[in-house]
Amino acid sequence: MARRLDDKPFKMSSNSLLNNIPVEDYVDIPRAHDKEGNARFDLFCFILKDSKDKDKFHEGQVVELFT
């Protein structure tokens, strides 16, 4: 899961990379709420093409999506 830091539109492709790590052509917005109960639309879920790459990410890390 990643939190969006800007408002630039993006479109996933079969060549998309998250910090140069291949991700599937898929993105989802999870059901998440802030402390006031408002829906959060700044969070996105990605699927890594190789699950072994999960160790290359950690909470709080800033990553870049290349589509």
PDB file of N, CA and C in Angstrom:
ATOM      1  N   MET A   1       0.848  -1.161   0.000  1.00  0.00           N
ATOM      2  CA  MET A   1       0.000   0.000   0.000  1.00  0.00           C
ATOM      3  C   MET A   1       0.899   1.230   0.000  1.00  0.00           C
ATOM      4  N   ALA A   2       0.478   2.249  -0.737  1.00  0.00           N
ATOM      5  CA  ALA A   2       1.239   3.487  -0.818  1.00  0.00           C
ATOM      6  C   ALA A   2       0.283   4.669  -0.694  1.00  0.00           C
ATOM      7  N   ARG A   3       0.783   5.750  -0.110  1.00  0.00           N
ATOM      8  CA  ARG A   3      -0.007   6.978   0.027  1.00  0.00           C
ATOM      9  C   ARG A   3       0.457   7.958  -1.032  1.00  0.00           C
ATOM     10  N   ARG A   4      -0.493   8.532  -1.722  1.00  0.00           N
ATOM     11  CA  ARG A   4      -0.209   9.487  -2.786  1.00  0.00           C
ATOM     12  C   ARG A   4       0.252  10.812  -2.191  1.00  0.00           C
ATOM     13  N   LEU A   5       1.350  11.369  -2.736  1.00  0.00           N
ATOM     14  CA  LEU A   5       1.887  12.628  -2.236  1.00  0.00           C
ATOM     15  C   LEU A   5       1.566  13.811  -3.140  1.00  0.00           C
ATOM     16  N   ASP A   6       1.002  13.550  -4.327  1.00  0.00           N
ATOM     17  CA  ASP A   6       0.643  14.634  -5.240  1.00  0.00           C
ATOM     18  C   ASP A   6      -0.687  14.311  -5.910  1.00  0.00           C
ATOM     19  N   ASP A   7      -1.157  15.199  -6.764  1.00  0.00           N
ATOM     20  CA  ASP A   7      -2.444  15.000  -7.431  1.00  0.00           C
ATOM     21  C   ASP A   7      -2.290  14.668  -8.909  1.00  0.00           C
ATOM     22  N   LYS A   8      -1.102  14.257  -9.327  1.00  0.00           N
ATOM     23  CA  LYS A   8      -0.880  13.927 -10.733  1.00  0.00           C
ATOM     24  C   LYS A   8      -1.637  12.641 -11.082  1.00  0.00           C
ATOM     25  N   PRO A   9      -2.370  12.669 -12.199  1.00  0.00           N
ATOM     26  CA  PRO A   9      -3.078  11.444 -12.608  1.00  0.00           C
ATOM     27  C   PRO A   9      -2.081  10.380 -13.068  1.00  0.00           C
ATOM     28  N   PHE A  10      -2.456   9.121 -12.935  1.00  0.00           N
ATOM     29  CA  PHE A  10      -1.595   8.042 -13.415  1.00  0.00           C
ATOM     30  C   PHE A  10      -2.453   6.912 -13.950  1.00  0.00           C
ATOM     31  N   LYS A  11      -1.861   6.117 -14.825  1.00  0.00           N
ATOM     32  CA  LYS A  11      -2.531   4.956 -15.392  1.00  0.00           C
ATOM     33  C   LYS A  11      -1.531   3.809 -15.386  1.00  0.00           C
ATOM     34  N   MET A  12      -1.936   2.711 -14.797  1.00  0.00           N
ATOM     35  CA  MET A  12      -1.058   1.539 -14.715  1.00  0.00           C
ATOM     36  C   MET A  12      -0.897   0.894 -16.083  1.00  0.00           C
ATOM     37  N   SER A  13       0.238   0.228 -16.278  1.00  0.00           N
ATOM     38  CA  SER A  13       0.489  -0.528 -17.504  1.00  0.00           C
ATOM     39  C   SER A  13       1.238  -1.806 -17.135  1.00  0.00           C
ATOM     40  N   SER A  14       1.436  -2.666 -18.099  1.00  0.00           N
ATOM     41  CA  SER A  14       2.169  -3.909 -17.832  1.00  0.00           C
ATOM     42  C   SER A  14       3.643  -3.645 -17.548  1.00  0.00           C
ATOM     43  N   ASN A  15       4.112  -2.423 -17.795  1.00  0.00           N
ATOM     44  CA  ASN A  15       5.509  -2.047 -17.543  1.00  0.00           C
ATOM     45  C   ASN A  15       5.670  -1.159 -16.314  1.00  0.00           C
ATOM     46  N   SER A  16       4.623  -0.999 -15.519  1.00  0.00           N
ATOM     47  CA  SER A  16       4.677  -0.115 -14.357  1.00  0.00           C
ATOM     48  C   SER A  16       5.696  -0.610 -13.333  1.00  0.00           C
ATOM     49  N   LEU A  17       6.366   0.355 -12.700  1.00  0.00           N
ATOM     50  CA  LEU A  17       7.379   0.068 -11.681  1.00  0.00           C
ATOM     51  C   LEU A  17       7.110   0.914 -10.451  1.00  0.00           C
ATOM     52  N   LEU A  18       7.284   0.341  -9.299  1.00  0.00           N
ATOM     53  CA  LEU A  18       7.204   1.062  -8.033  1.00  0.00           C
ATOM     54  C   LEU A  18       8.610   1.013  -7.452  1.00  0.00           C
ATOM     55  N   ASN A  19       9.291   2.165  -7.498  1.00  0.00           N
ATOM     56  CA  ASN A  19      10.708   2.228  -7.108  1.00  0.00           C
ATOM     57  C   ASN A  19      11.551   1.219  -7.900  1.00  0.00           C
ATOM     58  N   ASN A  20      11.311   1.164  -9.194  1.00  0.00           N
ATOM     59  CA  ASN A  20      12.024   0.267 -10.121  1.00  0.00           C
ATOM     60  C   ASN A  20      11.747  -1.214  -9.868  1.00  0.00           C
ATOM     61  N   ILE A  21      10.704  -1.530  -9.111  1.00  0.00           N
ATOM     62  CA  ILE A  21      10.283  -2.907  -8.866  1.00  0.00           C
ATOM     63  C   ILE A  21       9.016  -3.146  -9.700  1.00  0.00           C
ATOM     64  N   PRO A  22       8.983  -4.184 -10.530  1.00  0.00           N
ATOM     65  CA  PRO A  22       7.811  -4.443 -11.369  1.00  0.00           C
ATOM     66  C   PRO A  22       6.547  -4.727 -10.544  1.00  0.00           C
ATOM     67  N   VAL A  23       5.452  -4.068 -10.945  1.00  0.00           N
ATOM     68  CA  VAL A  23       4.149  -4.287 -10.319  1.00  0.00           C
ATOM     69  C   VAL A  23       3.151  -4.673 -11.397  1.00  0.00           C
ATOM     70  N   GLU A  24       2.116  -5.385 -10.986  1.00  0.00           N
ATOM     71  CA  GLU A  24       1.066  -5.810 -11.919  1.00  0.00           C
ATOM     72  C   GLU A  24       0.303  -4.594 -12.443  1.00  0.00           C
ATOM     73  N   ASP A  25      -0.348  -4.774 -13.561  1.00  0.00           N
ATOM     74  CA  ASP A  25      -1.193  -3.740 -14.160  1.00  0.00           C
ATOM     75  C   ASP A  25      -2.515  -3.703 -13.388  1.00  0.00           C
ATOM     76  N   TYR A  26      -2.445  -3.285 -12.127  1.00  0.00           N
ATOM     77  CA  TYR A  26      -3.585  -3.320 -11.216  1.00  0.00           C
ATOM     78  C   TYR A  26      -3.342  -2.310 -10.105  1.00  0.00           C
ATOM     79  N   VAL A  27      -4.380  -1.629  -9.718  1.00  0.00           N
ATOM     80  CA  VAL A  27      -4.314  -0.735  -8.555  1.00  0.00           C
ATOM     81  C   VAL A  27      -5.701  -0.733  -7.916  1.00  0.00           C
ATOM     82  N   ASP A  28      -5.732  -0.615  -6.590  1.00  0.00           N
ATOM     83  CA  ASP A  28      -6.995  -0.609  -5.867  1.00  0.00           C
ATOM     84  C   ASP A  28      -6.924   0.460  -4.788  1.00  0.00           C
ATOM     85  N   ILE A  29      -8.060   1.018  -4.460  1.00  0.00           N
ATOM     86  CA  ILE A  29      -8.148   1.978  -3.354  1.00  0.00           C
ATOM     87  C   ILE A  29      -8.799   1.237  -2.194  1.00  0.00           C
ATOM     88  N   PRO A  30      -8.047   1.016  -1.107  1.00  0.00           N
ATOM     89  CA  PRO A  30      -8.606   0.269   0.021  1.00  0.00           C
ATOM     90  C   PRO A  30      -9.633   1.090   0.794  1.00  0.00           C
ATOM     91  N   ARG A  31     -10.479   0.397   1.520  1.00  0.00           N
ATOM     92  CA  ARG A  31     -11.412   1.096   2.413  1.00  0.00           C
ATOM     93  C   ARG A  31     -10.639   1.509   3.654  1.00  0.00           C
ATOM     94  N   ALA A  32     -10.355   2.779   3.731  1.00  0.00           N
ATOM     95  CA  ALA A  32      -9.612   3.309   4.875  1.00  0.00           C
ATOM     96  C   ALA A  32     -10.232   4.641   5.272  1.00  0.00           C
ATOM     97  N   HIS A  33     -10.143   4.958   6.559  1.00  0.00           N
ATOM     98  CA  HIS A  33     -10.715   6.200   7.083  1.00  0.00           C
ATOM     99  C   HIS A  33      -9.688   6.911   7.952  1.00  0.00           C
ATOM    100  N   ASP A  34      -9.796   8.246   7.990  1.00  0.00           N
ATOM    101  CA  ASP A  34      -8.926   9.011   8.864  1.00  0.00           C
ATOM    102  C   ASP A  34      -9.508   9.018  10.280  1.00  0.00           C
ATOM    103  N   LYS A  35      -8.879   9.752  11.183  1.00  0.00           N
ATOM    104  CA  LYS A  35      -9.313   9.775  12.589  1.00  0.00           C
ATOM    105  C   LYS A  35     -10.723  10.324  12.771  1.00  0.00           C
ATOM    106  N   GLU A  36     -11.163  11.172  11.809  1.00  0.00           N
ATOM    107  CA  GLU A  36     -12.508  11.750  11.890  1.00  0.00           C
ATOM    108  C   GLU A  36     -13.552  10.877  11.201  1.00  0.00           C
ATOM    109  N   GLY A  37     -13.137   9.743  10.658  1.00  0.00           N
ATOM    110  CA  GLY A  37     -14.066   8.831  10.005  1.00  0.00           C
ATOM    111  C   GLY A  37     -14.293   9.103   8.526  1.00  0.00           C
ATOM    112  N   ASN A  38     -13.553  10.046   7.958  1.00  0.00           N
ATOM    113  CA  ASN A  38     -13.692  10.360   6.539  1.00  0.00           C
ATOM    114  C   ASN A  38     -12.927   9.347   5.689  1.00  0.00           C
ATOM    115  N   ALA A  39     -13.502   9.020   4.534  1.00  0.00           N
ATOM    116  CA  ALA A  39     -12.840   8.089   3.619  1.00  0.00           C
ATOM    117  C   ALA A  39     -11.527   8.685   3.126  1.00  0.00           C
ATOM    118  N   ARG A  40     -10.521   7.820   3.000  1.00  0.00           N
ATOM    119  CA  ARG A  40      -9.202   8.244   2.497  1.00  0.00           C
ATOM    120  C   ARG A  40      -9.067   7.778   1.055  1.00  0.00           C
ATOM    121  N   PHE A  41      -8.856   8.733   0.172  1.00  0.00           N
ATOM    122  CA  PHE A  41      -8.684   8.420  -1.243  1.00  0.00           C
ATOM    123  C   PHE A  41      -7.247   8.656  -1.690  1.00  0.00           C
ATOM    124  N   ASP A  42      -6.345   8.766  -0.724  1.00  0.00           N
ATOM    125  CA  ASP A  42      -4.931   8.989  -1.046  1.00  0.00           C
ATOM    126  C   ASP A  42      -4.100   7.720  -0.877  1.00  0.00           C
ATOM    127  N   LEU A  43      -4.759   6.594  -0.584  1.00  0.00           N
ATOM    128  CA  LEU A  43      -4.059   5.320  -0.410  1.00  0.00           C
ATOM    129  C   LEU A  43      -4.342   4.404  -1.595  1.00  0.00           C
ATOM    130  N   PHE A  44      -3.301   3.698  -2.035  1.00  0.00           N
ATOM    131  CA  PHE A  44      -3.429   2.793  -3.167  1.00  0.00           C
ATOM    132  C   PHE A  44      -2.741   1.476  -2.854  1.00  0.00           C
ATOM    133  N   CYS A  45      -3.321   0.392  -3.329  1.00  0.00           N
ATOM    134  CA  CYS A  45      -2.723  -0.942  -3.182  1.00  0.00           C
ATOM    135  C   CYS A  45      -2.175  -1.383  -4.530  1.00  0.00           C
ATOM    136  N   PHE A  46      -0.967  -1.903  -4.502  1.00  0.00           N
ATOM    137  CA  PHE A  46      -0.318  -2.417  -5.697  1.00  0.00           C
ATOM    138  C   PHE A  46       0.018  -3.887  -5.464  1.00  0.00           C
ATOM    139  N   ILE A  47       0.161  -4.651  -6.542  1.00  0.00           N
ATOM    140  CA  ILE A  47       0.565  -6.052  -6.449  1.00  0.00           C
ATOM    141  C   ILE A  47       1.926  -6.191  -7.106  1.00  0.00           C
ATOM    142  N   LEU A  48       2.893  -6.641  -6.330  1.00  0.00           N
ATOM    143  CA  LEU A  48       4.231  -6.869  -6.869  1.00  0.00           C
ATOM    144  C   LEU A  48       4.202  -8.080  -7.794  1.00  0.00           C
ATOM    145  N   LYS A  49       4.931  -8.008  -8.902  1.00  0.00           N
ATOM    146  CA  LYS A  49       4.991  -9.156  -9.816  1.00  0.00           C
ATOM    147  C   LYS A  49       5.727 -10.321  -9.174  1.00  0.00           C
ATOM    148  N   ASP A  50       6.676 -10.025  -8.310  1.00  0.00           N
ATOM    149  CA  ASP A  50       7.415 -11.067  -7.579  1.00  0.00           C
ATOM    150  C   ASP A  50       7.284 -10.769  -6.091  1.00  0.00           C
ATOM    151  N   SER A  51       6.570 -11.596  -5.370  1.00  0.00           N
ATOM    152  CA  SER A  51       6.316 -11.347  -3.943  1.00  0.00           C
ATOM    153  C   SER A  51       7.601 -11.272  -3.116  1.00  0.00           C
ATOM    154  N   LYS A  52       8.684 -11.826  -3.621  1.00  0.00           N
ATOM    155  CA  LYS A  52       9.962 -11.755  -2.895  1.00  0.00           C
ATOM    156  C   LYS A  52      10.485 -10.321  -2.798  1.00  0.00           C
ATOM    157  N   ASP A  53       9.977  -9.433  -3.655  1.00  0.00           N
ATOM    158  CA  ASP A  53      10.415  -8.039  -3.641  1.00  0.00           C
ATOM    159  C   ASP A  53       9.835  -7.249  -2.465  1.00  0.00           C
ATOM    160  N   LYS A  54       8.912  -7.842  -1.715  1.00  0.00           N
ATOM    161  CA  LYS A  54       8.272  -7.108  -0.612  1.00  0.00           C
ATOM    162  C   LYS A  54       9.283  -6.633   0.428  1.00  0.00           C
ATOM    163  N   ASP A  55      10.380  -7.338   0.577  1.00  0.00           N
ATOM    164  CA  ASP A  55      11.396  -6.945   1.551  1.00  0.00           C
ATOM    165  C   ASP A  55      12.157  -5.691   1.137  1.00  0.00           C
ATOM    166  N   LYS A  56      11.946  -5.227  -0.076  1.00  0.00           N
ATOM    167  CA  LYS A  56      12.606  -4.016  -0.567  1.00  0.00           C
ATOM    168  C   LYS A  56      11.833  -2.759  -0.187  1.00  0.00           C
ATOM    169  N   PHE A  57      10.715  -2.940   0.501  1.00  0.00           N
ATOM    170  CA  PHE A  57       9.874  -1.819   0.930  1.00  0.00           C
ATOM    171  C   PHE A  57       9.710  -1.840   2.445  1.00  0.00           C
ATOM    172  N   HIS A  58       9.599  -0.658   3.044  1.00  0.00           N
ATOM    173  CA  HIS A  58       9.330  -0.575   4.479  1.00  0.00           C
ATOM    174  C   HIS A  58       8.378   0.584   4.748  1.00  0.00           C
ATOM    175  N   GLU A  59       7.685   0.521   5.849  1.00  0.00           N
ATOM    176  CA  GLU A  59       6.723   1.539   6.227  1.00  0.00           C
ATOM    177  C   GLU A  59       7.392   2.891   6.326  1.00  0.00           C
ATOM    178  N   GLY A  60       6.769   3.904   5.733  1.00  0.00           N
ATOM    179  CA  GLY A  60       7.294   5.259   5.776  1.00  0.00           C
ATOM    180  C   GLY A  60       8.232   5.593   4.641  1.00  0.00           C
ATOM    181  N   GLN A  61       8.613   4.607   3.865  1.00  0.00           N
ATOM    182  CA  GLN A  61       9.524   4.822   2.726  1.00  0.00           C
ATOM    183  C   GLN A  61       8.797   5.616   1.631  1.00  0.00           C
ATOM    184  N   VAL A  62       9.466   6.593   1.042  1.00  0.00           N
ATOM    185  CA  VAL A  62       8.926   7.334  -0.087  1.00  0.00           C
ATOM    186  C   VAL A  62       9.322   6.607  -1.355  1.00  0.00           C
ATOM    187  N   VAL A  63       8.333   6.259  -2.183  1.00  0.00           N
ATOM    188  CA  VAL A  63       8.597   5.517  -3.419  1.00  0.00           C
ATOM    189  C   VAL A  63       8.029   6.306  -4.598  1.00  0.00           C
ATOM    190  N   GLU A  64       8.489   5.973  -5.794  1.00  0.00           N
ATOM    191  CA  GLU A  64       8.018   6.632  -6.993  1.00  0.00           C
ATOM    192  C   GLU A  64       7.420   5.596  -7.937  1.00  0.00           C
ATOM    193  N   LEU A  65       6.280   5.932  -8.517  1.00  0.00           N
ATOM    194  CA  LEU A  65       5.604   5.044  -9.458  1.00  0.00           C
ATOM    195  C   LEU A  65       5.927   5.487 -10.879  1.00  0.00           C
ATOM    196  N   PHE A  66       6.435   4.552 -11.666  1.00  0.00           N
ATOM    197  CA  PHE A  66       6.707   4.778 -13.083  1.00  0.00           C
ATOM    198  C   PHE A  66       5.700   3.951 -13.866  1.00  0.00           C
ATOM    199  N   THR A  67       4.882   4.613 -14.708  1.00  0.00           N
ATOM    200  CA  THR A  67       3.854   3.889 -15.464  1.00  0.00           C
ATOM    201  C   THR A  67       4.177   3.845 -16.942  1.00  0.00           C
TER     202      THR A  67
END
